[in-house]
């Protein structure tokens, strides 16, 4: 679970596009 949620957020960080809302 740690790997799943951490990597999901990391992929968004690496996409070059910041989300509108905060992902915590």
PDBML (XML) file of the C-alpha atoms, coordinates in Angstrom:
<?xml version="1.0" encoding="UTF-8" ?>
<PDBx:datablock datablockName="MODEL"
   xmlns:PDBx="http://pdbml.pdb.org/schema/pdbx-v50.xsd"
   xmlns:xsi="http://www.w3.org/2001/XMLSchema-instance"
   xsi:schemaLocation="http://pdbml.pdb.org/schema/pdbx-v50.xsd pdbx-v50.xsd">
   <PDBx:atom_siteCategory>
      <PDBx:atom_site id="1">
         <PDBx:B_iso_or_equiv>0.00</PDBx:B_iso_or_equiv>
         <PDBx:Cartn_x>0.000</PDBx:Cartn_x>
         <PDBx:Cartn_y>0.000</PDBx:Cartn_y>
         <PDBx:Cartn_z>0.000</PDBx:Cartn_z>
         <PDBx:auth_asym_id>A</PDBx:auth_asym_id>
         <PDBx:auth_atom_id>CA</PDBx:auth_atom_id>
         <PDBx:auth_comp_id>UNK</PDBx:auth_comp_id>
         <PDBx:auth_seq_id>1</PDBx:auth_seq_id>
         <PDBx:group_PDB>ATOM</PDBx:group_PDB>
         <PDBx:label_alt_id xsi:nil="true" />
         <PDBx:label_asym_id>A</PDBx:label_asym_id>
         <PDBx:label_atom_id>CA</PDBx:label_atom_id>
         <PDBx:label_comp_id>UNK</PDBx:label_comp_id>
         <PDBx:label_entity_id>1</PDBx:label_entity_id>
         <PDBx:label_seq_id>1</PDBx:label_seq_id>
         <PDBx:occupancy>1.00</PDBx:occupancy>
         <PDBx:pdbx_PDB_model_num>1</PDBx:pdbx_PDB_model_num>
         <PDBx:type_symbol>C</PDBx:type_symbol>
      </PDBx:atom_site>
      <PDBx:atom_site id="2">
         <PDBx:B_iso_or_equiv>0.00</PDBx:B_iso_or_equiv>
         <PDBx:Cartn_x>2.836</PDBx:Cartn_x>
         <PDBx:Cartn_y>2.399</PDBx:Cartn_y>
         <PDBx:Cartn_z>0.809</PDBx:Cartn_z>
         <PDBx:auth_asym_id>A</PDBx:auth_asym_id>
         <PDBx:auth_atom_id>CA</PDBx:auth_atom_id>
         <PDBx:auth_comp_id>UNK</PDBx:auth_comp_id>
         <PDBx:auth_seq_id>2</PDBx:auth_seq_id>
         <PDBx:group_PDB>ATOM</PDBx:group_PDB>
         <PDBx:label_alt_id xsi:nil="true" />
         <PDBx:label_asym_id>A</PDBx:label_asym_id>
         <PDBx:label_atom_id>CA</PDBx:label_atom_id>
         <PDBx:label_comp_id>UNK</PDBx:label_comp_id>
         <PDBx:label_entity_id>1</PDBx:label_entity_id>
         <PDBx:label_seq_id>2</PDBx:label_seq_id>
         <PDBx:occupancy>1.00</PDBx:occupancy>
         <PDBx:pdbx_PDB_model_num>1</PDBx:pdbx_PDB_model_num>
         <PDBx:type_symbol>C</PDBx:type_symbol>
      </PDBx:atom_site>
      <PDBx:atom_site id="3">
         <PDBx:B_iso_or_equiv>0.00</PDBx:B_iso_or_equiv>
         <PDBx:Cartn_x>4.397</PDBx:Cartn_x>
         <PDBx:Cartn_y>1.643</PDBx:Cartn_y>
         <PDBx:Cartn_z>-2.566</PDBx:Cartn_z>
         <PDBx:auth_asym_id>A</PDBx:auth_asym_id>
         <PDBx:auth_atom_id>CA</PDBx:auth_atom_id>
         <PDBx:auth_comp_id>UNK</PDBx:auth_comp_id>
         <PDBx:auth_seq_id>3</PDBx:auth_seq_id>
         <PDBx:group_PDB>ATOM</PDBx:group_PDB>
         <PDBx:label_alt_id xsi:nil="true" />
         <PDBx:label_asym_id>A</PDBx:label_asym_id>
         <PDBx:label_atom_id>CA</PDBx:label_atom_id>
         <PDBx:label_comp_id>UNK</PDBx:label_comp_id>
         <PDBx:label_entity_id>1</PDBx:label_entity_id>
         <PDBx:label_seq_id>3</PDBx:label_seq_id>
         <PDBx:occupancy>1.00</PDBx:occupancy>
         <PDBx:pdbx_PDB_model_num>1</PDBx:pdbx_PDB_model_num>
         <PDBx:type_symbol>C</PDBx:type_symbol>
      </PDBx:atom_site>
      <PDBx:atom_site id="4">
         <PDBx:B_iso_or_equiv>0.00</PDBx:B_iso_or_equiv>
         <PDBx:Cartn_x>1.093</PDBx:Cartn_x>
         <PDBx:Cartn_y>2.159</PDBx:Cartn_y>
         <PDBx:Cartn_z>-4.391</PDBx:Cartn_z>
         <PDBx:auth_asym_id>A</PDBx:auth_asym_id>
         <PDBx:auth_atom_id>CA</PDBx:auth_atom_id>
         <PDBx:auth_comp_id>UNK</PDBx:auth_comp_id>
         <PDBx:auth_seq_id>4</PDBx:auth_seq_id>
         <PDBx:group_PDB>ATOM</PDBx:group_PDB>
         <PDBx:label_alt_id xsi:nil="true" />
         <PDBx:label_asym_id>A</PDBx:label_asym_id>
         <PDBx:label_atom_id>CA</PDBx:label_atom_id>
         <PDBx:label_comp_id>UNK</PDBx:label_comp_id>
         <PDBx:label_entity_id>1</PDBx:label_entity_id>
         <PDBx:label_seq_id>4</PDBx:label_seq_id>
         <PDBx:occupancy>1.00</PDBx:occupancy>
         <PDBx:pdbx_PDB_model_num>1</PDBx:pdbx_PDB_model_num>
         <PDBx:type_symbol>C</PDBx:type_symbol>
      </PDBx:atom_site>
      <PDBx:atom_site id="5">
         <PDBx:B_iso_or_equiv>0.00</PDBx:B_iso_or_equiv>
         <PDBx:Cartn_x>0.056</PDBx:Cartn_x>
         <PDBx:Cartn_y>5.523</PDBx:Cartn_y>
         <PDBx:Cartn_z>-2.951</PDBx:Cartn_z>
         <PDBx:auth_asym_id>A</PDBx:auth_asym_id>
         <PDBx:auth_atom_id>CA</PDBx:auth_atom_id>
         <PDBx:auth_comp_id>UNK</PDBx:auth_comp_id>
         <PDBx:auth_seq_id>5</PDBx:auth_seq_id>
         <PDBx:group_PDB>ATOM</PDBx:group_PDB>
         <PDBx:label_alt_id xsi:nil="true" />
         <PDBx:label_asym_id>A</PDBx:label_asym_id>
         <PDBx:label_atom_id>CA</PDBx:label_atom_id>
         <PDBx:label_comp_id>UNK</PDBx:label_comp_id>
         <PDBx:label_entity_id>1</PDBx:label_entity_id>
         <PDBx:label_seq_id>5</PDBx:label_seq_id>
         <PDBx:occupancy>1.00</PDBx:occupancy>
         <PDBx:pdbx_PDB_model_num>1</PDBx:pdbx_PDB_model_num>
         <PDBx:type_symbol>C</PDBx:type_symbol>
      </PDBx:atom_site>
      <PDBx:atom_site id="6">
         <PDBx:B_iso_or_equiv>0.00</PDBx:B_iso_or_equiv>
         <PDBx:Cartn_x>3.559</PDBx:Cartn_x>
         <PDBx:Cartn_y>6.974</PDBx:Cartn_y>
         <PDBx:Cartn_z>-2.809</PDBx:Cartn_z>
         <PDBx:auth_asym_id>A</PDBx:auth_asym_id>
         <PDBx:auth_atom_id>CA</PDBx:auth_atom_id>
         <PDBx:auth_comp_id>UNK</PDBx:auth_comp_id>
         <PDBx:auth_seq_id>6</PDBx:auth_seq_id>
         <PDBx:group_PDB>ATOM</PDBx:group_PDB>
         <PDBx:label_alt_id xsi:nil="true" />
         <PDBx:label_asym_id>A</PDBx:label_asym_id>
         <PDBx:label_atom_id>CA</PDBx:label_atom_id>
         <PDBx:label_comp_id>UNK</PDBx:label_comp_id>
         <PDBx:label_entity_id>1</PDBx:label_entity_id>
         <PDBx:label_seq_id>6</PDBx:label_seq_id>
         <PDBx:occupancy>1.00</PDBx:occupancy>
         <PDBx:pdbx_PDB_model_num>1</PDBx:pdbx_PDB_model_num>
         <PDBx:type_symbol>C</PDBx:type_symbol>
      </PDBx:atom_site>
      <PDBx:atom_site id="7">
         <PDBx:B_iso_or_equiv>0.00</PDBx:B_iso_or_equiv>
         <PDBx:Cartn_x>4.304</PDBx:Cartn_x>
         <PDBx:Cartn_y>6.024</PDBx:Cartn_y>
         <PDBx:Cartn_z>-6.401</PDBx:Cartn_z>
         <PDBx:auth_asym_id>A</PDBx:auth_asym_id>
         <PDBx:auth_atom_id>CA</PDBx:auth_atom_id>
         <PDBx:auth_comp_id>UNK</PDBx:auth_comp_id>
         <PDBx:auth_seq_id>7</PDBx:auth_seq_id>
         <PDBx:group_PDB>ATOM</PDBx:group_PDB>
         <PDBx:label_alt_id xsi:nil="true" />
         <PDBx:label_asym_id>A</PDBx:label_asym_id>
         <PDBx:label_atom_id>CA</PDBx:label_atom_id>
         <PDBx:label_comp_id>UNK</PDBx:label_comp_id>
         <PDBx:label_entity_id>1</PDBx:label_entity_id>
         <PDBx:label_seq_id>7</PDBx:label_seq_id>
         <PDBx:occupancy>1.00</PDBx:occupancy>
         <PDBx:pdbx_PDB_model_num>1</PDBx:pdbx_PDB_model_num>
         <PDBx:type_symbol>C</PDBx:type_symbol>
      </PDBx:atom_site>
      <PDBx:atom_site id="8">
         <PDBx:B_iso_or_equiv>0.00</PDBx:B_iso_or_equiv>
         <PDBx:Cartn_x>0.942</PDBx:Cartn_x>
         <PDBx:Cartn_y>7.337</PDBx:Cartn_y>
         <PDBx:Cartn_z>-7.617</PDBx:Cartn_z>
         <PDBx:auth_asym_id>A</PDBx:auth_asym_id>
         <PDBx:auth_atom_id>CA</PDBx:auth_atom_id>
         <PDBx:auth_comp_id>UNK</PDBx:auth_comp_id>
         <PDBx:auth_seq_id>8</PDBx:auth_seq_id>
         <PDBx:group_PDB>ATOM</PDBx:group_PDB>
         <PDBx:label_alt_id xsi:nil="true" />
         <PDBx:label_asym_id>A</PDBx:label_asym_id>
         <PDBx:label_atom_id>CA</PDBx:label_atom_id>
         <PDBx:label_comp_id>UNK</PDBx:label_comp_id>
         <PDBx:label_entity_id>1</PDBx:label_entity_id>
         <PDBx:label_seq_id>8</PDBx:label_seq_id>
         <PDBx:occupancy>1.00</PDBx:occupancy>
         <PDBx:pdbx_PDB_model_num>1</PDBx:pdbx_PDB_model_num>
         <PDBx:type_symbol>C</PDBx:type_symbol>
      </PDBx:atom_site>
      <PDBx:atom_site id="9">
         <PDBx:B_iso_or_equiv>0.00</PDBx:B_iso_or_equiv>
         <PDBx:Cartn_x>1.690</PDBx:Cartn_x>
         <PDBx:Cartn_y>10.752</PDBx:Cartn_y>
         <PDBx:Cartn_z>-6.156</PDBx:Cartn_z>
         <PDBx:auth_asym_id>A</PDBx:auth_asym_id>
         <PDBx:auth_atom_id>CA</PDBx:auth_atom_id>
         <PDBx:auth_comp_id>UNK</PDBx:auth_comp_id>
         <PDBx:auth_seq_id>9</PDBx:auth_seq_id>
         <PDBx:group_PDB>ATOM</PDBx:group_PDB>
         <PDBx:label_alt_id xsi:nil="true" />
         <PDBx:label_asym_id>A</PDBx:label_asym_id>
         <PDBx:label_atom_id>CA</PDBx:label_atom_id>
         <PDBx:label_comp_id>UNK</PDBx:label_comp_id>
         <PDBx:label_entity_id>1</PDBx:label_entity_id>
         <PDBx:label_seq_id>9</PDBx:label_seq_id>
         <PDBx:occupancy>1.00</PDBx:occupancy>
         <PDBx:pdbx_PDB_model_num>1</PDBx:pdbx_PDB_model_num>
         <PDBx:type_symbol>C</PDBx:type_symbol>
      </PDBx:atom_site>
      <PDBx:atom_site id="10">
         <PDBx:B_iso_or_equiv>0.00</PDBx:B_iso_or_equiv>
         <PDBx:Cartn_x>5.283</PDBx:Cartn_x>
         <PDBx:Cartn_y>10.618</PDBx:Cartn_y>
         <PDBx:Cartn_z>-7.424</PDBx:Cartn_z>
         <PDBx:auth_asym_id>A</PDBx:auth_asym_id>
         <PDBx:auth_atom_id>CA</PDBx:auth_atom_id>
         <PDBx:auth_comp_id>UNK</PDBx:auth_comp_id>
         <PDBx:auth_seq_id>10</PDBx:auth_seq_id>
         <PDBx:group_PDB>ATOM</PDBx:group_PDB>
         <PDBx:label_alt_id xsi:nil="true" />
         <PDBx:label_asym_id>A</PDBx:label_asym_id>
         <PDBx:label_atom_id>CA</PDBx:label_atom_id>
         <PDBx:label_comp_id>UNK</PDBx:label_comp_id>
         <PDBx:label_entity_id>1</PDBx:label_entity_id>
         <PDBx:label_seq_id>10</PDBx:label_seq_id>
         <PDBx:occupancy>1.00</PDBx:occupancy>
         <PDBx:pdbx_PDB_model_num>1</PDBx:pdbx_PDB_model_num>
         <PDBx:type_symbol>C</PDBx:type_symbol>
      </PDBx:atom_site>
      <PDBx:atom_site id="11">
         <PDBx:B_iso_or_equiv>0.00</PDBx:B_iso_or_equiv>
         <PDBx:Cartn_x>4.079</PDBx:Cartn_x>
         <PDBx:Cartn_y>9.985</PDBx:Cartn_y>
         <PDBx:Cartn_z>-10.996</PDBx:Cartn_z>
         <PDBx:auth_asym_id>A</PDBx:auth_asym_id>
         <PDBx:auth_atom_id>CA</PDBx:auth_atom_id>
         <PDBx:auth_comp_id>UNK</PDBx:auth_comp_id>
         <PDBx:auth_seq_id>11</PDBx:auth_seq_id>
         <PDBx:group_PDB>ATOM</PDBx:group_PDB>
         <PDBx:label_alt_id xsi:nil="true" />
         <PDBx:label_asym_id>A</PDBx:label_asym_id>
         <PDBx:label_atom_id>CA</PDBx:label_atom_id>
         <PDBx:label_comp_id>UNK</PDBx:label_comp_id>
         <PDBx:label_entity_id>1</PDBx:label_entity_id>
         <PDBx:label_seq_id>11</PDBx:label_seq_id>
         <PDBx:occupancy>1.00</PDBx:occupancy>
         <PDBx:pdbx_PDB_model_num>1</PDBx:pdbx_PDB_model_num>
         <PDBx:type_symbol>C</PDBx:type_symbol>
      </PDBx:atom_site>
      <PDBx:atom_site id="12">
         <PDBx:B_iso_or_equiv>0.00</PDBx:B_iso_or_equiv>
         <PDBx:Cartn_x>1.992</PDBx:Cartn_x>
         <PDBx:Cartn_y>13.141</PDBx:Cartn_y>
         <PDBx:Cartn_z>-10.787</PDBx:Cartn_z>
         <PDBx:auth_asym_id>A</PDBx:auth_asym_id>
         <PDBx:auth_atom_id>CA</PDBx:auth_atom_id>
         <PDBx:auth_comp_id>UNK</PDBx:auth_comp_id>
         <PDBx:auth_seq_id>12</PDBx:auth_seq_id>
         <PDBx:group_PDB>ATOM</PDBx:group_PDB>
         <PDBx:label_alt_id xsi:nil="true" />
         <PDBx:label_asym_id>A</PDBx:label_asym_id>
         <PDBx:label_atom_id>CA</PDBx:label_atom_id>
         <PDBx:label_comp_id>UNK</PDBx:label_comp_id>
         <PDBx:label_entity_id>1</PDBx:label_entity_id>
         <PDBx:label_seq_id>12</PDBx:label_seq_id>
         <PDBx:occupancy>1.00</PDBx:occupancy>
         <PDBx:pdbx_PDB_model_num>1</PDBx:pdbx_PDB_model_num>
         <PDBx:type_symbol>C</PDBx:type_symbol>
      </PDBx:atom_site>
      <PDBx:atom_site id="13">
         <PDBx:B_iso_or_equiv>0.00</PDBx:B_iso_or_equiv>
         <PDBx:Cartn_x>4.997</PDBx:Cartn_x>
         <PDBx:Cartn_y>15.100</PDBx:Cartn_y>
         <PDBx:Cartn_z>-9.504</PDBx:Cartn_z>
         <PDBx:auth_asym_id>A</PDBx:auth_asym_id>
         <PDBx:auth_atom_id>CA</PDBx:auth_atom_id>
         <PDBx:auth_comp_id>UNK</PDBx:auth_comp_id>
         <PDBx:auth_seq_id>13</PDBx:auth_seq_id>
         <PDBx:group_PDB>ATOM</PDBx:group_PDB>
         <PDBx:label_alt_id xsi:nil="true" />
         <PDBx:label_asym_id>A</PDBx:label_asym_id>
         <PDBx:label_atom_id>CA</PDBx:label_atom_id>
         <PDBx:label_comp_id>UNK</PDBx:label_comp_id>
         <PDBx:label_entity_id>1</PDBx:label_entity_id>
         <PDBx:label_seq_id>13</PDBx:label_seq_id>
         <PDBx:occupancy>1.00</PDBx:occupancy>
         <PDBx:pdbx_PDB_model_num>1</PDBx:pdbx_PDB_model_num>
         <PDBx:type_symbol>C</PDBx:type_symbol>
      </PDBx:atom_site>
      <PDBx:atom_site id="14">
         <PDBx:B_iso_or_equiv>0.00</PDBx:B_iso_or_equiv>
         <PDBx:Cartn_x>7.102</PDBx:Cartn_x>
         <PDBx:Cartn_y>13.803</PDBx:Cartn_y>
         <PDBx:Cartn_z>-12.383</PDBx:Cartn_z>
         <PDBx:auth_asym_id>A</PDBx:auth_asym_id>
         <PDBx:auth_atom_id>CA</PDBx:auth_atom_id>
         <PDBx:auth_comp_id>UNK</PDBx:auth_comp_id>
         <PDBx:auth_seq_id>14</PDBx:auth_seq_id>
         <PDBx:group_PDB>ATOM</PDBx:group_PDB>
         <PDBx:label_alt_id xsi:nil="true" />
         <PDBx:label_asym_id>A</PDBx:label_asym_id>
         <PDBx:label_atom_id>CA</PDBx:label_atom_id>
         <PDBx:label_comp_id>UNK</PDBx:label_comp_id>
         <PDBx:label_entity_id>1</PDBx:label_entity_id>
         <PDBx:label_seq_id>14</PDBx:label_seq_id>
         <PDBx:occupancy>1.00</PDBx:occupancy>
         <PDBx:pdbx_PDB_model_num>1</PDBx:pdbx_PDB_model_num>
         <PDBx:type_symbol>C</PDBx:type_symbol>
      </PDBx:atom_site>
      <PDBx:atom_site id="15">
         <PDBx:B_iso_or_equiv>0.00</PDBx:B_iso_or_equiv>
         <PDBx:Cartn_x>4.443</PDBx:Cartn_x>
         <PDBx:Cartn_y>14.591</PDBx:Cartn_y>
         <PDBx:Cartn_z>-15.005</PDBx:Cartn_z>
         <PDBx:auth_asym_id>A</PDBx:auth_asym_id>
         <PDBx:auth_atom_id>CA</PDBx:auth_atom_id>
         <PDBx:auth_comp_id>UNK</PDBx:auth_comp_id>
         <PDBx:auth_seq_id>15</PDBx:auth_seq_id>
         <PDBx:group_PDB>ATOM</PDBx:group_PDB>
         <PDBx:label_alt_id xsi:nil="true" />
         <PDBx:label_asym_id>A</PDBx:label_asym_id>
         <PDBx:label_atom_id>CA</PDBx:label_atom_id>
         <PDBx:label_comp_id>UNK</PDBx:label_comp_id>
         <PDBx:label_entity_id>1</PDBx:label_entity_id>
         <PDBx:label_seq_id>15</PDBx:label_seq_id>
         <PDBx:occupancy>1.00</PDBx:occupancy>
         <PDBx:pdbx_PDB_model_num>1</PDBx:pdbx_PDB_model_num>
         <PDBx:type_symbol>C</PDBx:type_symbol>
      </PDBx:atom_site>
      <PDBx:atom_site id="16">
         <PDBx:B_iso_or_equiv>0.00</PDBx:B_iso_or_equiv>
         <PDBx:Cartn_x>5.420</PDBx:Cartn_x>
         <PDBx:Cartn_y>18.266</PDBx:Cartn_y>
         <PDBx:Cartn_z>-15.087</PDBx:Cartn_z>
         <PDBx:auth_asym_id>A</PDBx:auth_asym_id>
         <PDBx:auth_atom_id>CA</PDBx:auth_atom_id>
         <PDBx:auth_comp_id>UNK</PDBx:auth_comp_id>
         <PDBx:auth_seq_id>16</PDBx:auth_seq_id>
         <PDBx:group_PDB>ATOM</PDBx:group_PDB>
         <PDBx:label_alt_id xsi:nil="true" />
         <PDBx:label_asym_id>A</PDBx:label_asym_id>
         <PDBx:label_atom_id>CA</PDBx:label_atom_id>
         <PDBx:label_comp_id>UNK</PDBx:label_comp_id>
         <PDBx:label_entity_id>1</PDBx:label_entity_id>
         <PDBx:label_seq_id>16</PDBx:label_seq_id>
         <PDBx:occupancy>1.00</PDBx:occupancy>
         <PDBx:pdbx_PDB_model_num>1</PDBx:pdbx_PDB_model_num>
         <PDBx:type_symbol>C</PDBx:type_symbol>
      </PDBx:atom_site>
      <PDBx:atom_site id="17">
         <PDBx:B_iso_or_equiv>0.00</PDBx:B_iso_or_equiv>
         <PDBx:Cartn_x>1.825</PDBx:Cartn_x>
         <PDBx:Cartn_y>19.293</PDBx:Cartn_y>
         <PDBx:Cartn_z>-14.384</PDBx:Cartn_z>
         <PDBx:auth_asym_id>A</PDBx:auth_asym_id>
         <PDBx:auth_atom_id>CA</PDBx:auth_atom_id>
         <PDBx:auth_comp_id>UNK</PDBx:auth_comp_id>
         <PDBx:auth_seq_id>17</PDBx:auth_seq_id>
         <PDBx:group_PDB>ATOM</PDBx:group_PDB>
         <PDBx:label_alt_id xsi:nil="true" />
         <PDBx:label_asym_id>A</PDBx:label_asym_id>
         <PDBx:label_atom_id>CA</PDBx:label_atom_id>
         <PDBx:label_comp_id>UNK</PDBx:label_comp_id>
         <PDBx:label_entity_id>1</PDBx:label_entity_id>
         <PDBx:label_seq_id>17</PDBx:label_seq_id>
         <PDBx:occupancy>1.00</PDBx:occupancy>
         <PDBx:pdbx_PDB_model_num>1</PDBx:pdbx_PDB_model_num>
         <PDBx:type_symbol>C</PDBx:type_symbol>
      </PDBx:atom_site>
      <PDBx:atom_site id="18">
         <PDBx:B_iso_or_equiv>0.00</PDBx:B_iso_or_equiv>
         <PDBx:Cartn_x>0.835</PDBx:Cartn_x>
         <PDBx:Cartn_y>20.345</PDBx:Cartn_y>
         <PDBx:Cartn_z>-10.896</PDBx:Cartn_z>
         <PDBx:auth_asym_id>A</PDBx:auth_asym_id>
         <PDBx:auth_atom_id>CA</PDBx:auth_atom_id>
         <PDBx:auth_comp_id>UNK</PDBx:auth_comp_id>
         <PDBx:auth_seq_id>18</PDBx:auth_seq_id>
         <PDBx:group_PDB>ATOM</PDBx:group_PDB>
         <PDBx:label_alt_id xsi:nil="true" />
         <PDBx:label_asym_id>A</PDBx:label_asym_id>
         <PDBx:label_atom_id>CA</PDBx:label_atom_id>
         <PDBx:label_comp_id>UNK</PDBx:label_comp_id>
         <PDBx:label_entity_id>1</PDBx:label_entity_id>
         <PDBx:label_seq_id>18</PDBx:label_seq_id>
         <PDBx:occupancy>1.00</PDBx:occupancy>
         <PDBx:pdbx_PDB_model_num>1</PDBx:pdbx_PDB_model_num>
         <PDBx:type_symbol>C</PDBx:type_symbol>
      </PDBx:atom_site>
      <PDBx:atom_site id="19">
         <PDBx:B_iso_or_equiv>0.00</PDBx:B_iso_or_equiv>
         <PDBx:Cartn_x>-2.685</PDBx:Cartn_x>
         <PDBx:Cartn_y>19.314</PDBx:Cartn_y>
         <PDBx:Cartn_z>-9.825</PDBx:Cartn_z>
         <PDBx:auth_asym_id>A</PDBx:auth_asym_id>
         <PDBx:auth_atom_id>CA</PDBx:auth_atom_id>
         <PDBx:auth_comp_id>UNK</PDBx:auth_comp_id>
         <PDBx:auth_seq_id>19</PDBx:auth_seq_id>
         <PDBx:group_PDB>ATOM</PDBx:group_PDB>
         <PDBx:label_alt_id xsi:nil="true" />
         <PDBx:label_asym_id>A</PDBx:label_asym_id>
         <PDBx:label_atom_id>CA</PDBx:label_atom_id>
         <PDBx:label_comp_id>UNK</PDBx:label_comp_id>
         <PDBx:label_entity_id>1</PDBx:label_entity_id>
         <PDBx:label_seq_id>19</PDBx:label_seq_id>
         <PDBx:occupancy>1.00</PDBx:occupancy>
         <PDBx:pdbx_PDB_model_num>1</PDBx:pdbx_PDB_model_num>
         <PDBx:type_symbol>C</PDBx:type_symbol>
      </PDBx:atom_site>
      <PDBx:atom_site id="20">
         <PDBx:B_iso_or_equiv>0.00</PDBx:B_iso_or_equiv>
         <PDBx:Cartn_x>-5.258</PDBx:Cartn_x>
         <PDBx:Cartn_y>21.938</PDBx:Cartn_y>
         <PDBx:Cartn_z>-8.941</PDBx:Cartn_z>
         <PDBx:auth_asym_id>A</PDBx:auth_asym_id>
         <PDBx:auth_atom_id>CA</PDBx:auth_atom_id>
         <PDBx:auth_comp_id>UNK</PDBx:auth_comp_id>
         <PDBx:auth_seq_id>20</PDBx:auth_seq_id>
         <PDBx:group_PDB>ATOM</PDBx:group_PDB>
         <PDBx:label_alt_id xsi:nil="true" />
         <PDBx:label_asym_id>A</PDBx:label_asym_id>
         <PDBx:label_atom_id>CA</PDBx:label_atom_id>
         <PDBx:label_comp_id>UNK</PDBx:label_comp_id>
         <PDBx:label_entity_id>1</PDBx:label_entity_id>
         <PDBx:label_seq_id>20</PDBx:label_seq_id>
         <PDBx:occupancy>1.00</PDBx:occupancy>
         <PDBx:pdbx_PDB_model_num>1</PDBx:pdbx_PDB_model_num>
         <PDBx:type_symbol>C</PDBx:type_symbol>
      </PDBx:atom_site>
      <PDBx:atom_site id="21">
         <PDBx:B_iso_or_equiv>0.00</PDBx:B_iso_or_equiv>
         <PDBx:Cartn_x>-5.764</PDBx:Cartn_x>
         <PDBx:Cartn_y>20.565</PDBx:Cartn_y>
         <PDBx:Cartn_z>-5.410</PDBx:Cartn_z>
         <PDBx:auth_asym_id>A</PDBx:auth_asym_id>
         <PDBx:auth_atom_id>CA</PDBx:auth_atom_id>
         <PDBx:auth_comp_id>UNK</PDBx:auth_comp_id>
         <PDBx:auth_seq_id>21</PDBx:auth_seq_id>
         <PDBx:group_PDB>ATOM</PDBx:group_PDB>
         <PDBx:label_alt_id xsi:nil="true" />
         <PDBx:label_asym_id>A</PDBx:label_asym_id>
         <PDBx:label_atom_id>CA</PDBx:label_atom_id>
         <PDBx:label_comp_id>UNK</PDBx:label_comp_id>
         <PDBx:label_entity_id>1</PDBx:label_entity_id>
         <PDBx:label_seq_id>21</PDBx:label_seq_id>
         <PDBx:occupancy>1.00</PDBx:occupancy>
         <PDBx:pdbx_PDB_model_num>1</PDBx:pdbx_PDB_model_num>
         <PDBx:type_symbol>C</PDBx:type_symbol>
      </PDBx:atom_site>
      <PDBx:atom_site id="22">
         <PDBx:B_iso_or_equiv>0.00</PDBx:B_iso_or_equiv>
         <PDBx:Cartn_x>-3.218</PDBx:Cartn_x>
         <PDBx:Cartn_y>19.210</PDBx:Cartn_y>
         <PDBx:Cartn_z>-2.938</PDBx:Cartn_z>
         <PDBx:auth_asym_id>A</PDBx:auth_asym_id>
         <PDBx:auth_atom_id>CA</PDBx:auth_atom_id>
         <PDBx:auth_comp_id>UNK</PDBx:auth_comp_id>
         <PDBx:auth_seq_id>22</PDBx:auth_seq_id>
         <PDBx:group_PDB>ATOM</PDBx:group_PDB>
         <PDBx:label_alt_id xsi:nil="true" />
         <PDBx:label_asym_id>A</PDBx:label_asym_id>
         <PDBx:label_atom_id>CA</PDBx:label_atom_id>
         <PDBx:label_comp_id>UNK</PDBx:label_comp_id>
         <PDBx:label_entity_id>1</PDBx:label_entity_id>
         <PDBx:label_seq_id>22</PDBx:label_seq_id>
         <PDBx:occupancy>1.00</PDBx:occupancy>
         <PDBx:pdbx_PDB_model_num>1</PDBx:pdbx_PDB_model_num>
         <PDBx:type_symbol>C</PDBx:type_symbol>
      </PDBx:atom_site>
      <PDBx:atom_site id="23">
         <PDBx:B_iso_or_equiv>0.00</PDBx:B_iso_or_equiv>
         <PDBx:Cartn_x>-2.607</PDBx:Cartn_x>
         <PDBx:Cartn_y>15.485</PDBx:Cartn_y>
         <PDBx:Cartn_z>-2.918</PDBx:Cartn_z>
         <PDBx:auth_asym_id>A</PDBx:auth_asym_id>
         <PDBx:auth_atom_id>CA</PDBx:auth_atom_id>
         <PDBx:auth_comp_id>UNK</PDBx:auth_comp_id>
         <PDBx:auth_seq_id>23</PDBx:auth_seq_id>
         <PDBx:group_PDB>ATOM</PDBx:group_PDB>
         <PDBx:label_alt_id xsi:nil="true" />
         <PDBx:label_asym_id>A</PDBx:label_asym_id>
         <PDBx:label_atom_id>CA</PDBx:label_atom_id>
         <PDBx:label_comp_id>UNK</PDBx:label_comp_id>
         <PDBx:label_entity_id>1</PDBx:label_entity_id>
         <PDBx:label_seq_id>23</PDBx:label_seq_id>
         <PDBx:occupancy>1.00</PDBx:occupancy>
         <PDBx:pdbx_PDB_model_num>1</PDBx:pdbx_PDB_model_num>
         <PDBx:type_symbol>C</PDBx:type_symbol>
      </PDBx:atom_site>
      <PDBx:atom_site id="24">
         <PDBx:B_iso_or_equiv>0.00</PDBx:B_iso_or_equiv>
         <PDBx:Cartn_x>-1.645</PDBx:Cartn_x>
         <PDBx:Cartn_y>14.424</PDBx:Cartn_y>
         <PDBx:Cartn_z>0.600</PDBx:Cartn_z>
         <PDBx:auth_asym_id>A</PDBx:auth_asym_id>
         <PDBx:auth_atom_id>CA</PDBx:auth_atom_id>
         <PDBx:auth_comp_id>UNK</PDBx:auth_comp_id>
         <PDBx:auth_seq_id>24</PDBx:auth_seq_id>
         <PDBx:group_PDB>ATOM</PDBx:group_PDB>
         <PDBx:label_alt_id xsi:nil="true" />
         <PDBx:label_asym_id>A</PDBx:label_asym_id>
         <PDBx:label_atom_id>CA</PDBx:label_atom_id>
         <PDBx:label_comp_id>UNK</PDBx:label_comp_id>
         <PDBx:label_entity_id>1</PDBx:label_entity_id>
         <PDBx:label_seq_id>24</PDBx:label_seq_id>
         <PDBx:occupancy>1.00</PDBx:occupancy>
         <PDBx:pdbx_PDB_model_num>1</PDBx:pdbx_PDB_model_num>
         <PDBx:type_symbol>C</PDBx:type_symbol>
      </PDBx:atom_site>
   </PDBx:atom_siteCategory>
</PDBx:datablock>
